[in-house]
């Protein structure tokens, strides 16, 4: 079977990252750099491609962190992947930032909470099976009090995200778990994206959709798309 090469970008939170998965090895860059994503993301892409000794024409699939997260951050990755995909005519796979953190976290039942500001968290629950996480509960944006109710019922053995530190009462609901990672990494989007691509073949760039969760935030779609 021919190995599919994937290039991933994520800028949805305070962290910025890029990663490429080749037949033999993964190459990655990751940095916490608030409000510098627009300056950091493309050089990171160039760095990992240089490390892998590849050009964009040799990449089979483009992957982006579709959110939820910072409105501006999600737009940066989406816009960058649109530009690369349109220029190179590549299929695209969007991966949830929450799922990427669950994939990196320890445990079989993982709850992820990102600080969403405004007294809320982005929250979802995942189950790991055969090395890959799948969604157990839908992604949502909720007050920490509601997240406490959910996580108490879910009983995770692993947690991830910045929301646990931002809201101590939420962390106190799972005292035996340490929140790691705090932010997503493009590297851990790669296995999820590979599985998605094998099932669906990815999406055309004009069909990709970022995930914001908050209704009042609107996304300006590509020209010609309603």
N, C-alpha and C. Protein backbone atom coordinates (compact mmCIF):
# COMPACT_ATOMS: atom_id res chain seq x y z
N UNK A 1 0.84 -1.19 0.00
CA UNK A 1 0.00 0.00 0.00
C UNK A 1 0.88 1.25 0.00
N UNK A 2 0.53 2.22 -0.84
CA UNK A 2 1.29 3.45 -0.91
C UNK A 2 1.08 4.27 0.35
N UNK A 3 2.17 4.78 0.92
CA UNK A 3 2.06 5.59 2.13
C UNK A 3 1.56 6.98 1.76
N UNK A 4 0.58 7.46 2.50
CA UNK A 4 0.03 8.79 2.28
C UNK A 4 0.78 9.78 3.16
N UNK A 5 1.28 10.85 2.57
CA UNK A 5 1.99 11.89 3.30
C UNK A 5 1.03 13.00 3.67
N UNK A 6 1.01 13.38 4.96
CA UNK A 6 0.10 14.40 5.45
C UNK A 6 0.88 15.57 6.04
N UNK A 7 0.39 16.77 5.79
CA UNK A 7 0.94 17.99 6.37
C UNK A 7 -0.15 18.65 7.20
N UNK A 8 0.13 18.92 8.49
CA UNK A 8 -0.89 19.46 9.39
C UNK A 8 -0.45 20.80 9.97
N UNK A 9 -1.44 21.67 10.20
CA UNK A 9 -1.22 23.00 10.77
C UNK A 9 -2.27 23.24 11.85
N UNK A 10 -1.85 23.80 12.98
CA UNK A 10 -2.82 24.19 14.01
C UNK A 10 -2.42 25.52 14.63
N UNK A 11 -3.39 26.43 14.71
CA UNK A 11 -3.17 27.75 15.32
C UNK A 11 -4.36 28.16 16.19
N UNK A 12 -5.14 27.20 16.67
CA UNK A 12 -6.43 27.51 17.30
C UNK A 12 -6.32 28.02 18.73
N UNK A 13 -5.19 27.77 19.39
CA UNK A 13 -5.04 28.20 20.79
C UNK A 13 -3.77 29.03 20.92
N UNK A 14 -3.28 29.18 22.14
CA UNK A 14 -2.04 29.93 22.35
C UNK A 14 -0.84 29.26 21.68
N UNK A 15 -0.94 27.96 21.41
CA UNK A 15 0.14 27.23 20.75
C UNK A 15 -0.03 27.27 19.24
N UNK A 16 1.10 27.26 18.55
CA UNK A 16 1.14 27.20 17.09
C UNK A 16 1.99 26.00 16.72
N UNK A 17 1.54 25.21 15.75
CA UNK A 17 2.31 24.01 15.41
C UNK A 17 2.10 23.60 13.96
N UNK A 18 3.08 22.86 13.46
CA UNK A 18 3.00 22.25 12.13
C UNK A 18 3.67 20.89 12.22
N UNK A 19 3.20 19.95 11.42
CA UNK A 19 3.78 18.60 11.44
C UNK A 19 3.56 17.95 10.09
N UNK A 20 4.49 17.08 9.73
CA UNK A 20 4.36 16.31 8.50
C UNK A 20 4.64 14.85 8.80
N UNK A 21 3.83 13.98 8.25
CA UNK A 21 3.97 12.54 8.45
C UNK A 21 4.35 11.90 7.12
N UNK A 22 5.54 11.31 7.08
CA UNK A 22 6.02 10.63 5.88
C UNK A 22 6.00 9.13 6.10
N UNK A 23 6.51 8.40 5.16
CA UNK A 23 6.50 6.93 5.27
C UNK A 23 7.33 6.45 6.45
N UNK A 24 8.39 7.17 6.78
CA UNK A 24 9.33 6.69 7.79
C UNK A 24 9.31 7.45 9.11
N UNK A 25 8.82 8.70 9.10
CA UNK A 25 9.00 9.51 10.29
C UNK A 25 8.06 10.71 10.28
N UNK A 26 7.77 11.22 11.48
CA UNK A 26 7.04 12.48 11.63
C UNK A 26 8.03 13.59 11.98
N UNK A 27 7.78 14.77 11.44
CA UNK A 27 8.57 15.95 11.77
C UNK A 27 7.61 17.02 12.26
N UNK A 28 8.01 17.72 13.32
CA UNK A 28 7.06 18.66 13.91
C UNK A 28 7.75 19.91 14.46
N UNK A 29 6.99 20.99 14.53
CA UNK A 29 7.36 22.21 15.23
C UNK A 29 6.18 22.61 16.10
N UNK A 30 6.46 23.06 17.32
CA UNK A 30 5.40 23.43 18.26
C UNK A 30 5.93 24.52 19.17
N UNK A 31 5.14 25.56 19.36
CA UNK A 31 5.57 26.67 20.22
C UNK A 31 4.35 27.38 20.79
N UNK A 32 4.42 27.72 22.07
CA UNK A 32 3.41 28.60 22.66
C UNK A 32 3.82 30.03 22.35
N UNK A 33 3.02 30.69 21.53
CA UNK A 33 3.38 32.03 21.05
C UNK A 33 2.11 32.85 20.83
N UNK A 34 1.45 33.26 21.91
CA UNK A 34 0.19 34.00 21.78
C UNK A 34 0.32 35.21 20.86
N UNK A 35 -0.66 35.36 19.98
CA UNK A 35 -0.78 36.51 19.08
C UNK A 35 0.38 36.63 18.09
N UNK A 36 1.11 35.53 17.87
CA UNK A 36 2.18 35.54 16.87
C UNK A 36 1.97 34.48 15.79
N UNK A 37 0.79 33.89 15.77
CA UNK A 37 0.55 32.77 14.87
C UNK A 37 0.69 33.15 13.40
N UNK A 38 0.24 34.34 13.05
CA UNK A 38 0.31 34.74 11.64
C UNK A 38 1.75 34.88 11.17
N UNK A 39 2.67 35.16 12.11
CA UNK A 39 4.09 35.24 11.76
C UNK A 39 4.79 33.88 11.85
N UNK A 40 4.30 33.00 12.69
CA UNK A 40 5.00 31.74 12.98
C UNK A 40 4.55 30.57 12.11
N UNK A 41 3.29 30.54 11.71
CA UNK A 41 2.73 29.32 11.12
C UNK A 41 3.41 28.92 9.82
N UNK A 42 3.51 29.83 8.87
CA UNK A 42 4.10 29.47 7.59
C UNK A 42 5.57 29.08 7.71
N UNK A 43 6.40 29.80 8.49
CA UNK A 43 7.78 29.33 8.68
C UNK A 43 7.85 27.94 9.30
N UNK A 44 6.92 27.61 10.20
CA UNK A 44 6.90 26.26 10.76
C UNK A 44 6.62 25.22 9.68
N UNK A 45 5.68 25.53 8.80
CA UNK A 45 5.38 24.63 7.69
C UNK A 45 6.62 24.43 6.83
N UNK A 46 7.29 25.52 6.52
CA UNK A 46 8.50 25.43 5.71
C UNK A 46 9.59 24.63 6.42
N UNK A 47 9.69 24.78 7.73
CA UNK A 47 10.71 24.06 8.50
C UNK A 47 10.47 22.55 8.48
N UNK A 48 9.23 22.12 8.72
CA UNK A 48 8.98 20.68 8.77
C UNK A 48 9.12 20.06 7.39
N UNK A 49 8.76 20.79 6.35
CA UNK A 49 8.92 20.26 5.00
C UNK A 49 10.40 20.17 4.64
N UNK A 50 11.18 21.14 5.10
CA UNK A 50 12.63 21.07 4.89
C UNK A 50 13.23 19.88 5.63
N UNK A 51 12.79 19.68 6.88
CA UNK A 51 13.29 18.54 7.66
C UNK A 51 12.97 17.21 6.98
N UNK A 52 11.79 17.13 6.38
CA UNK A 52 11.37 15.90 5.72
C UNK A 52 11.95 15.76 4.32
N UNK A 53 12.56 16.84 3.81
CA UNK A 53 13.10 16.81 2.46
C UNK A 53 12.03 16.71 1.40
N UNK A 54 10.91 17.40 1.64
CA UNK A 54 9.77 17.31 0.73
C UNK A 54 9.30 18.69 0.29
N UNK A 55 8.58 18.71 -0.82
CA UNK A 55 7.93 19.92 -1.29
C UNK A 55 6.42 19.73 -1.17
N UNK A 56 5.67 20.81 -1.34
CA UNK A 56 4.22 20.72 -1.22
C UNK A 56 3.64 19.78 -2.26
N UNK A 57 4.28 19.67 -3.42
CA UNK A 57 3.78 18.77 -4.46
C UNK A 57 3.85 17.31 -4.04
N UNK A 58 4.73 16.99 -3.09
CA UNK A 58 4.89 15.61 -2.64
C UNK A 58 3.96 15.27 -1.48
N UNK A 59 3.26 16.25 -0.96
CA UNK A 59 2.28 16.02 0.11
C UNK A 59 0.97 15.56 -0.51
N UNK A 60 0.36 14.54 0.10
CA UNK A 60 -0.89 14.00 -0.44
C UNK A 60 -2.13 14.65 0.16
N UNK A 61 -2.07 14.96 1.45
CA UNK A 61 -3.25 15.47 2.16
C UNK A 61 -2.84 16.63 3.06
N UNK A 62 -3.65 17.68 3.07
CA UNK A 62 -3.43 18.82 3.96
C UNK A 62 -4.42 18.75 5.12
N UNK A 63 -3.92 19.00 6.32
CA UNK A 63 -4.71 18.84 7.55
C UNK A 63 -4.67 20.15 8.33
N UNK A 64 -5.81 20.54 8.91
CA UNK A 64 -5.80 21.76 9.72
C UNK A 64 -6.63 21.55 10.98
N UNK A 65 -6.21 22.24 12.05
CA UNK A 65 -6.99 22.25 13.28
C UNK A 65 -8.21 23.14 13.07
N UNK A 66 -9.38 22.52 13.00
CA UNK A 66 -10.59 23.24 12.61
C UNK A 66 -11.27 23.95 13.78
N UNK A 67 -10.67 23.87 14.97
CA UNK A 67 -11.28 24.45 16.15
C UNK A 67 -11.97 23.37 16.96
N UNK A 68 -12.62 23.76 18.03
CA UNK A 68 -12.83 25.14 18.49
C UNK A 68 -11.57 25.74 19.10
N UNK A 69 -11.62 27.05 19.27
CA UNK A 69 -10.51 27.78 19.84
C UNK A 69 -10.69 29.26 19.59
N UNK A 70 -9.59 29.98 19.58
CA UNK A 70 -9.63 31.41 19.29
C UNK A 70 -10.18 31.65 17.88
N UNK A 71 -11.11 32.61 17.77
CA UNK A 71 -11.68 32.93 16.46
C UNK A 71 -10.58 33.30 15.47
N UNK A 72 -9.69 34.19 15.88
CA UNK A 72 -8.60 34.61 14.99
C UNK A 72 -7.67 33.45 14.69
N UNK A 73 -7.34 32.66 15.71
CA UNK A 73 -6.44 31.53 15.51
C UNK A 73 -6.99 30.50 14.55
N UNK A 74 -8.26 30.16 14.70
CA UNK A 74 -8.87 29.19 13.80
C UNK A 74 -8.87 29.72 12.37
N UNK A 75 -9.12 31.01 12.21
CA UNK A 75 -9.12 31.61 10.87
C UNK A 75 -7.74 31.55 10.23
N UNK A 76 -6.68 31.71 11.03
CA UNK A 76 -5.33 31.70 10.46
C UNK A 76 -5.03 30.34 9.83
N UNK A 77 -5.27 29.26 10.57
CA UNK A 77 -4.99 27.92 10.03
C UNK A 77 -5.89 27.62 8.84
N UNK A 78 -7.16 28.02 8.94
CA UNK A 78 -8.09 27.75 7.84
C UNK A 78 -7.66 28.49 6.58
N UNK A 79 -7.29 29.76 6.74
CA UNK A 79 -6.86 30.54 5.58
C UNK A 79 -5.57 30.01 4.97
N UNK A 80 -4.64 29.60 5.83
CA UNK A 80 -3.37 29.08 5.33
C UNK A 80 -3.58 27.77 4.58
N UNK A 81 -4.41 26.90 5.12
CA UNK A 81 -4.64 25.61 4.46
C UNK A 81 -5.42 25.81 3.17
N UNK A 82 -6.31 26.81 3.14
CA UNK A 82 -7.01 27.11 1.89
C UNK A 82 -6.03 27.53 0.80
N UNK A 83 -5.09 28.40 1.16
CA UNK A 83 -4.12 28.85 0.18
C UNK A 83 -3.25 27.72 -0.34
N UNK A 84 -2.79 26.86 0.56
CA UNK A 84 -1.95 25.74 0.15
C UNK A 84 -2.74 24.74 -0.70
N UNK A 85 -3.97 24.45 -0.28
CA UNK A 85 -4.76 23.44 -0.98
C UNK A 85 -5.19 23.92 -2.36
N UNK A 86 -5.56 25.19 -2.47
CA UNK A 86 -5.97 25.72 -3.77
C UNK A 86 -4.80 25.74 -4.74
N UNK A 87 -3.62 26.13 -4.22
CA UNK A 87 -2.46 26.21 -5.09
C UNK A 87 -1.95 24.85 -5.54
N UNK A 88 -2.03 23.86 -4.63
CA UNK A 88 -1.47 22.54 -4.93
C UNK A 88 -2.53 21.52 -5.32
N UNK A 89 -3.81 21.91 -5.25
CA UNK A 89 -4.92 21.02 -5.60
C UNK A 89 -4.88 19.73 -4.77
N UNK A 90 -4.86 19.90 -3.45
CA UNK A 90 -4.80 18.77 -2.52
C UNK A 90 -6.10 18.62 -1.75
N UNK A 91 -6.48 17.39 -1.38
CA UNK A 91 -7.62 17.21 -0.49
C UNK A 91 -7.27 17.67 0.92
N UNK A 92 -8.30 18.00 1.70
CA UNK A 92 -8.12 18.58 3.02
C UNK A 92 -8.91 17.76 4.05
N UNK A 93 -8.33 17.63 5.24
CA UNK A 93 -9.03 17.02 6.38
C UNK A 93 -8.94 17.98 7.55
N UNK A 94 -10.08 18.31 8.14
CA UNK A 94 -10.11 19.12 9.35
C UNK A 94 -10.19 18.23 10.57
N UNK A 95 -9.40 18.54 11.59
CA UNK A 95 -9.38 17.75 12.83
C UNK A 95 -9.72 18.65 14.00
N UNK A 96 -10.57 18.18 14.88
CA UNK A 96 -10.93 18.94 16.08
C UNK A 96 -9.70 19.16 16.96
N UNK A 97 -9.56 20.38 17.45
CA UNK A 97 -8.47 20.65 18.39
C UNK A 97 -8.68 19.88 19.69
N UNK A 98 -9.92 19.67 20.09
CA UNK A 98 -10.21 18.90 21.29
C UNK A 98 -9.81 17.44 21.10
N UNK A 99 -10.12 16.89 19.93
CA UNK A 99 -9.76 15.49 19.64
C UNK A 99 -8.25 15.32 19.60
N UNK A 100 -7.54 16.30 19.05
CA UNK A 100 -6.07 16.21 18.99
C UNK A 100 -5.47 16.13 20.39
N UNK A 101 -6.02 16.91 21.32
CA UNK A 101 -5.52 16.86 22.69
C UNK A 101 -5.86 15.54 23.36
N UNK A 102 -7.06 15.02 23.09
CA UNK A 102 -7.43 13.72 23.64
C UNK A 102 -6.52 12.63 23.09
N UNK A 103 -6.15 12.73 21.81
CA UNK A 103 -5.26 11.75 21.20
C UNK A 103 -3.89 11.75 21.89
N UNK A 104 -3.41 12.92 22.28
CA UNK A 104 -2.11 13.03 22.93
C UNK A 104 -2.16 12.64 24.40
N UNK A 105 -3.30 12.82 25.04
CA UNK A 105 -3.43 12.60 26.48
C UNK A 105 -3.29 11.12 26.84
N UNK A 106 -3.00 10.88 28.11
CA UNK A 106 -2.99 9.53 28.64
C UNK A 106 -4.41 9.11 29.01
N UNK A 107 -4.67 7.81 28.98
CA UNK A 107 -5.96 7.31 29.42
C UNK A 107 -6.81 6.75 28.30
N UNK A 108 -7.89 6.09 28.70
CA UNK A 108 -8.83 5.50 27.75
C UNK A 108 -10.13 6.29 27.67
N UNK A 109 -10.44 7.02 28.73
CA UNK A 109 -11.62 7.89 28.78
C UNK A 109 -11.11 9.30 29.08
N UNK A 110 -11.14 10.16 28.08
CA UNK A 110 -10.48 11.46 28.20
C UNK A 110 -11.50 12.59 28.08
N UNK A 111 -11.47 13.50 29.03
CA UNK A 111 -12.28 14.72 28.97
C UNK A 111 -11.36 15.89 28.64
N UNK A 112 -11.78 16.70 27.69
CA UNK A 112 -10.97 17.84 27.25
C UNK A 112 -11.76 19.13 27.49
N UNK A 113 -11.08 20.11 28.08
CA UNK A 113 -11.70 21.41 28.33
C UNK A 113 -10.69 22.51 28.02
N UNK A 114 -11.03 23.37 27.07
CA UNK A 114 -10.21 24.53 26.73
C UNK A 114 -10.89 25.77 27.29
N UNK A 115 -10.10 26.66 27.89
CA UNK A 115 -10.64 27.93 28.35
C UNK A 115 -11.18 28.71 27.15
N UNK A 116 -12.49 28.96 27.14
CA UNK A 116 -13.12 29.68 26.03
C UNK A 116 -13.35 31.15 26.36
N UNK A 117 -12.83 31.61 27.51
CA UNK A 117 -13.06 32.98 27.99
C UNK A 117 -14.56 33.16 28.26
N UNK A 118 -14.93 34.36 28.63
CA UNK A 118 -16.34 34.71 28.86
C UNK A 118 -17.01 33.74 29.84
N UNK A 119 -16.22 33.16 30.77
CA UNK A 119 -16.78 32.28 31.77
C UNK A 119 -17.26 30.95 31.24
N UNK A 120 -16.62 30.46 30.17
CA UNK A 120 -17.03 29.19 29.56
C UNK A 120 -15.82 28.37 29.15
N UNK A 121 -16.08 27.09 28.86
CA UNK A 121 -15.04 26.21 28.32
C UNK A 121 -15.58 25.51 27.08
N UNK A 122 -14.67 25.20 26.15
CA UNK A 122 -14.97 24.27 25.08
C UNK A 122 -14.73 22.87 25.65
N UNK A 123 -15.73 22.01 25.54
CA UNK A 123 -15.67 20.74 26.26
C UNK A 123 -16.13 19.58 25.37
N UNK A 124 -15.47 18.44 25.51
CA UNK A 124 -15.90 17.21 24.84
C UNK A 124 -15.27 16.02 25.55
N UNK A 125 -15.85 14.85 25.33
CA UNK A 125 -15.37 13.61 25.94
C UNK A 125 -15.05 12.59 24.85
N UNK A 126 -14.01 11.79 25.09
CA UNK A 126 -13.53 10.85 24.08
C UNK A 126 -13.23 9.50 24.70
N UNK A 127 -13.36 8.47 23.88
CA UNK A 127 -13.01 7.10 24.24
C UNK A 127 -11.90 6.64 23.29
N UNK A 128 -10.86 6.01 23.84
CA UNK A 128 -9.78 5.52 23.00
C UNK A 128 -10.03 4.04 22.67
N UNK A 129 -9.88 3.72 21.39
CA UNK A 129 -10.05 2.34 20.94
C UNK A 129 -9.06 2.07 19.82
N UNK A 130 -8.27 1.01 19.96
CA UNK A 130 -7.27 0.65 18.94
C UNK A 130 -6.32 1.81 18.65
N UNK A 131 -5.98 2.56 19.69
CA UNK A 131 -4.99 3.62 19.54
C UNK A 131 -5.51 4.96 19.10
N UNK A 132 -6.78 5.04 18.70
CA UNK A 132 -7.35 6.30 18.23
C UNK A 132 -8.55 6.69 19.09
N UNK A 133 -8.69 7.99 19.35
CA UNK A 133 -9.84 8.45 20.12
C UNK A 133 -11.03 8.70 19.20
N UNK A 134 -12.21 8.50 19.74
CA UNK A 134 -13.44 8.84 19.04
C UNK A 134 -14.35 9.58 20.02
N UNK A 135 -15.22 10.41 19.48
CA UNK A 135 -16.04 11.28 20.32
C UNK A 135 -17.09 10.48 21.08
N UNK A 136 -17.17 10.73 22.38
CA UNK A 136 -18.19 10.12 23.23
C UNK A 136 -19.34 11.09 23.46
N UNK A 137 -19.01 12.38 23.62
CA UNK A 137 -20.03 13.42 23.74
C UNK A 137 -19.70 14.55 22.78
N UNK A 138 -20.72 15.23 22.30
CA UNK A 138 -20.52 16.29 21.32
C UNK A 138 -19.71 17.45 21.89
N UNK A 139 -18.96 18.11 21.02
CA UNK A 139 -18.27 19.33 21.41
C UNK A 139 -19.30 20.39 21.78
N UNK A 140 -18.99 21.16 22.82
CA UNK A 140 -19.92 22.19 23.25
C UNK A 140 -19.16 23.31 23.93
N UNK A 141 -19.80 24.46 24.05
CA UNK A 141 -19.24 25.56 24.84
C UNK A 141 -20.21 25.79 25.99
N UNK A 142 -19.71 25.61 27.22
CA UNK A 142 -20.58 25.57 28.40
C UNK A 142 -19.89 26.24 29.59
N UNK A 143 -20.66 26.68 30.57
CA UNK A 143 -20.06 27.19 31.81
C UNK A 143 -19.35 26.05 32.55
N UNK A 144 -18.34 26.37 33.34
CA UNK A 144 -17.63 25.31 34.07
C UNK A 144 -18.53 24.52 35.00
N UNK A 145 -19.59 25.14 35.52
CA UNK A 145 -20.50 24.42 36.40
C UNK A 145 -21.17 23.25 35.68
N UNK A 146 -21.51 23.47 34.41
CA UNK A 146 -22.11 22.40 33.62
C UNK A 146 -21.06 21.35 33.27
N UNK A 147 -19.84 21.80 32.98
CA UNK A 147 -18.76 20.86 32.70
C UNK A 147 -18.49 19.97 33.91
N UNK A 148 -18.60 20.52 35.10
CA UNK A 148 -18.41 19.72 36.32
C UNK A 148 -19.43 18.59 36.37
N UNK A 149 -20.67 18.89 36.05
CA UNK A 149 -21.70 17.85 36.04
C UNK A 149 -21.38 16.77 35.02
N UNK A 150 -20.95 17.19 33.84
CA UNK A 150 -20.65 16.24 32.78
C UNK A 150 -19.46 15.35 33.13
N UNK A 151 -18.39 15.97 33.62
CA UNK A 151 -17.18 15.18 33.88
C UNK A 151 -17.38 14.26 35.08
N UNK A 152 -18.22 14.66 36.02
CA UNK A 152 -18.52 13.80 37.17
C UNK A 152 -19.24 12.54 36.71
N UNK A 153 -20.13 12.68 35.74
CA UNK A 153 -20.84 11.52 35.20
C UNK A 153 -19.94 10.67 34.31
N UNK A 154 -19.05 11.31 33.57
CA UNK A 154 -18.20 10.61 32.61
C UNK A 154 -17.10 9.78 33.28
N UNK A 155 -16.57 10.30 34.39
CA UNK A 155 -15.51 9.62 35.15
C UNK A 155 -14.29 9.30 34.27
N UNK A 156 -13.59 10.33 33.81
CA UNK A 156 -12.43 10.11 32.94
C UNK A 156 -11.23 9.57 33.71
N UNK A 157 -10.34 8.90 32.99
CA UNK A 157 -9.05 8.55 33.57
C UNK A 157 -7.92 9.38 32.96
N UNK A 158 -8.31 10.37 32.15
CA UNK A 158 -7.36 11.32 31.59
C UNK A 158 -8.06 12.61 31.24
N UNK A 159 -7.37 13.74 31.40
CA UNK A 159 -7.94 15.04 31.04
C UNK A 159 -6.88 15.85 30.31
N UNK A 160 -7.34 16.81 29.52
CA UNK A 160 -6.43 17.66 28.76
C UNK A 160 -7.08 19.02 28.54
N UNK A 161 -6.24 20.02 28.28
CA UNK A 161 -6.74 21.35 27.96
C UNK A 161 -6.46 22.38 29.04
N UNK A 162 -6.61 23.64 28.66
CA UNK A 162 -6.32 24.76 29.55
C UNK A 162 -7.47 25.09 30.49
N UNK A 163 -8.64 24.51 30.27
CA UNK A 163 -9.81 24.86 31.06
C UNK A 163 -9.74 24.41 32.50
N UNK A 164 -9.01 23.33 32.76
CA UNK A 164 -8.91 22.81 34.13
C UNK A 164 -8.13 23.76 35.02
N UNK A 165 -7.09 24.36 34.48
CA UNK A 165 -6.30 25.33 35.24
C UNK A 165 -7.06 26.65 35.38
N UNK A 166 -7.80 27.02 34.34
CA UNK A 166 -8.53 28.29 34.38
C UNK A 166 -9.66 28.28 35.40
N UNK A 167 -10.24 27.09 35.64
CA UNK A 167 -11.37 26.98 36.56
C UNK A 167 -11.06 25.89 37.59
N UNK A 168 -10.47 26.27 38.72
CA UNK A 168 -10.04 25.29 39.73
C UNK A 168 -11.14 24.35 40.20
N UNK A 169 -12.38 24.84 40.29
CA UNK A 169 -13.46 23.96 40.72
C UNK A 169 -13.67 22.82 39.73
N UNK A 170 -13.44 23.09 38.46
CA UNK A 170 -13.56 22.05 37.45
C UNK A 170 -12.46 21.00 37.65
N UNK A 171 -11.25 21.45 37.91
CA UNK A 171 -10.16 20.51 38.16
C UNK A 171 -10.41 19.70 39.43
N UNK A 172 -11.00 20.32 40.43
CA UNK A 172 -11.28 19.62 41.68
C UNK A 172 -12.28 18.48 41.51
N UNK A 173 -13.03 18.51 40.41
CA UNK A 173 -13.99 17.43 40.14
C UNK A 173 -13.29 16.15 39.69
N UNK A 174 -12.02 16.28 39.27
CA UNK A 174 -11.24 15.11 38.84
C UNK A 174 -9.87 15.17 39.52
N UNK A 175 -9.83 15.05 40.83
CA UNK A 175 -8.58 15.30 41.58
C UNK A 175 -7.45 14.33 41.26
N UNK A 176 -7.77 13.16 40.74
CA UNK A 176 -6.74 12.16 40.47
C UNK A 176 -6.12 12.28 39.08
N UNK A 177 -6.59 13.25 38.29
CA UNK A 177 -6.10 13.41 36.91
C UNK A 177 -5.26 14.68 36.78
N UNK A 178 -4.21 14.60 36.00
CA UNK A 178 -3.40 15.77 35.67
C UNK A 178 -3.69 16.18 34.23
N UNK A 179 -3.94 17.47 34.03
CA UNK A 179 -4.31 17.96 32.70
C UNK A 179 -3.08 18.08 31.81
N UNK A 180 -2.98 17.20 30.84
CA UNK A 180 -1.88 17.23 29.88
C UNK A 180 -2.31 16.53 28.59
N UNK A 181 -2.10 17.21 27.45
CA UNK A 181 -1.47 18.52 27.25
C UNK A 181 -2.44 19.67 27.53
N UNK A 182 -1.90 20.88 27.67
CA UNK A 182 -2.73 22.06 27.86
C UNK A 182 -3.24 22.59 26.52
N UNK A 183 -2.43 22.41 25.46
CA UNK A 183 -2.76 22.94 24.15
C UNK A 183 -2.58 21.85 23.09
N UNK A 184 -3.26 21.97 21.96
CA UNK A 184 -3.14 20.94 20.92
C UNK A 184 -1.83 21.03 20.16
N UNK A 185 -1.50 19.93 19.49
CA UNK A 185 -0.33 19.87 18.62
C UNK A 185 -0.73 19.26 17.29
N UNK A 186 -0.24 19.84 16.21
CA UNK A 186 -0.53 19.31 14.88
C UNK A 186 -0.06 17.87 14.73
N UNK A 187 0.98 17.49 15.47
CA UNK A 187 1.51 16.13 15.37
C UNK A 187 0.45 15.09 15.70
N UNK A 188 -0.40 15.39 16.69
CA UNK A 188 -1.39 14.40 17.11
C UNK A 188 -2.69 14.50 16.31
N UNK A 189 -2.73 15.46 15.39
CA UNK A 189 -3.82 15.48 14.41
C UNK A 189 -3.55 14.48 13.29
N UNK A 190 -2.28 14.14 13.08
CA UNK A 190 -1.91 13.31 11.94
C UNK A 190 -2.57 11.92 11.95
N UNK A 191 -2.51 11.15 13.06
CA UNK A 191 -3.16 9.83 13.02
C UNK A 191 -4.67 9.91 12.86
N UNK A 192 -5.29 10.92 13.45
CA UNK A 192 -6.74 11.09 13.29
C UNK A 192 -7.08 11.46 11.85
N UNK A 193 -6.28 12.33 11.27
CA UNK A 193 -6.52 12.74 9.88
C UNK A 193 -6.28 11.59 8.92
N UNK A 194 -5.27 10.78 9.20
CA UNK A 194 -5.00 9.64 8.33
C UNK A 194 -6.18 8.67 8.32
N UNK A 195 -6.73 8.40 9.50
CA UNK A 195 -7.88 7.50 9.58
C UNK A 195 -9.08 8.10 8.85
N UNK A 196 -9.29 9.41 9.01
CA UNK A 196 -10.41 10.07 8.34
C UNK A 196 -10.23 10.03 6.82
N UNK A 197 -9.01 10.27 6.36
CA UNK A 197 -8.76 10.26 4.92
C UNK A 197 -8.97 8.87 4.33
N UNK A 198 -8.56 7.85 5.05
CA UNK A 198 -8.75 6.48 4.56
C UNK A 198 -10.22 6.14 4.42
N UNK A 199 -11.06 6.74 5.26
CA UNK A 199 -12.50 6.46 5.22
C UNK A 199 -13.24 7.31 4.19
N UNK A 200 -12.85 8.59 4.08
CA UNK A 200 -13.65 9.53 3.29
C UNK A 200 -12.94 10.10 2.07
N UNK A 201 -11.61 10.02 2.04
CA UNK A 201 -10.87 10.65 0.95
C UNK A 201 -10.68 12.13 1.14
N UNK A 202 -11.08 12.66 2.31
CA UNK A 202 -10.92 14.09 2.58
C UNK A 202 -11.98 14.93 1.89
N UNK A 203 -11.80 16.24 1.96
CA UNK A 203 -12.74 17.19 1.38
C UNK A 203 -12.04 18.07 0.36
N UNK A 204 -12.82 18.58 -0.57
CA UNK A 204 -12.32 19.64 -1.44
C UNK A 204 -12.20 20.91 -0.60
N UNK A 205 -11.24 21.75 -0.94
CA UNK A 205 -10.96 22.92 -0.11
C UNK A 205 -12.18 23.82 0.03
N UNK A 206 -13.02 23.90 -0.99
CA UNK A 206 -14.18 24.80 -0.91
C UNK A 206 -15.24 24.28 0.05
N UNK A 207 -15.10 23.05 0.51
CA UNK A 207 -16.09 22.47 1.41
C UNK A 207 -15.68 22.48 2.88
N UNK A 208 -14.48 22.92 3.18
CA UNK A 208 -14.03 22.85 4.57
C UNK A 208 -14.74 23.88 5.43
N UNK A 209 -14.95 23.52 6.69
CA UNK A 209 -15.65 24.38 7.64
C UNK A 209 -14.89 24.43 8.96
N UNK A 210 -14.55 25.62 9.44
CA UNK A 210 -14.00 25.71 10.79
C UNK A 210 -15.10 25.51 11.82
N UNK A 211 -14.71 25.23 13.06
CA UNK A 211 -15.66 25.03 14.15
C UNK A 211 -15.46 26.12 15.19
N UNK A 212 -16.50 26.92 15.41
CA UNK A 212 -16.42 27.98 16.41
C UNK A 212 -17.26 27.69 17.65
N UNK A 213 -18.38 26.99 17.49
CA UNK A 213 -19.33 26.64 18.55
C UNK A 213 -20.17 27.82 19.01
N UNK A 214 -19.60 29.00 19.12
CA UNK A 214 -20.41 30.16 19.51
C UNK A 214 -21.16 30.69 18.30
N UNK A 215 -22.49 30.75 18.40
CA UNK A 215 -23.33 31.13 17.27
C UNK A 215 -23.07 32.55 16.78
N UNK A 216 -22.68 33.43 17.68
CA UNK A 216 -22.55 34.83 17.28
C UNK A 216 -21.30 35.08 16.45
N UNK A 217 -20.42 34.10 16.40
CA UNK A 217 -19.24 34.23 15.56
C UNK A 217 -19.56 33.67 14.19
N UNK A 218 -19.41 34.45 13.17
CA UNK A 218 -19.72 34.01 11.81
C UNK A 218 -18.46 33.83 11.01
N UNK A 219 -18.54 32.94 10.05
CA UNK A 219 -17.39 32.63 9.20
C UNK A 219 -17.69 33.05 7.77
N UNK A 220 -16.81 33.84 7.19
CA UNK A 220 -16.96 34.24 5.80
C UNK A 220 -16.41 33.13 4.93
N UNK A 221 -17.29 32.47 4.19
CA UNK A 221 -16.89 31.31 3.41
C UNK A 221 -16.19 31.74 2.13
N UNK A 222 -15.65 30.76 1.46
CA UNK A 222 -14.97 31.03 0.20
C UNK A 222 -15.94 31.63 -0.81
N UNK A 223 -15.45 32.44 -1.75
CA UNK A 223 -16.33 33.03 -2.76
C UNK A 223 -17.10 31.95 -3.51
N UNK A 224 -18.39 32.23 -3.72
CA UNK A 224 -19.21 31.30 -4.48
C UNK A 224 -19.89 30.25 -3.65
N UNK A 225 -19.57 30.20 -2.33
CA UNK A 225 -20.22 29.21 -1.47
C UNK A 225 -21.25 29.90 -0.60
N UNK A 226 -22.46 29.36 -0.56
CA UNK A 226 -23.54 29.98 0.20
C UNK A 226 -23.42 29.64 1.68
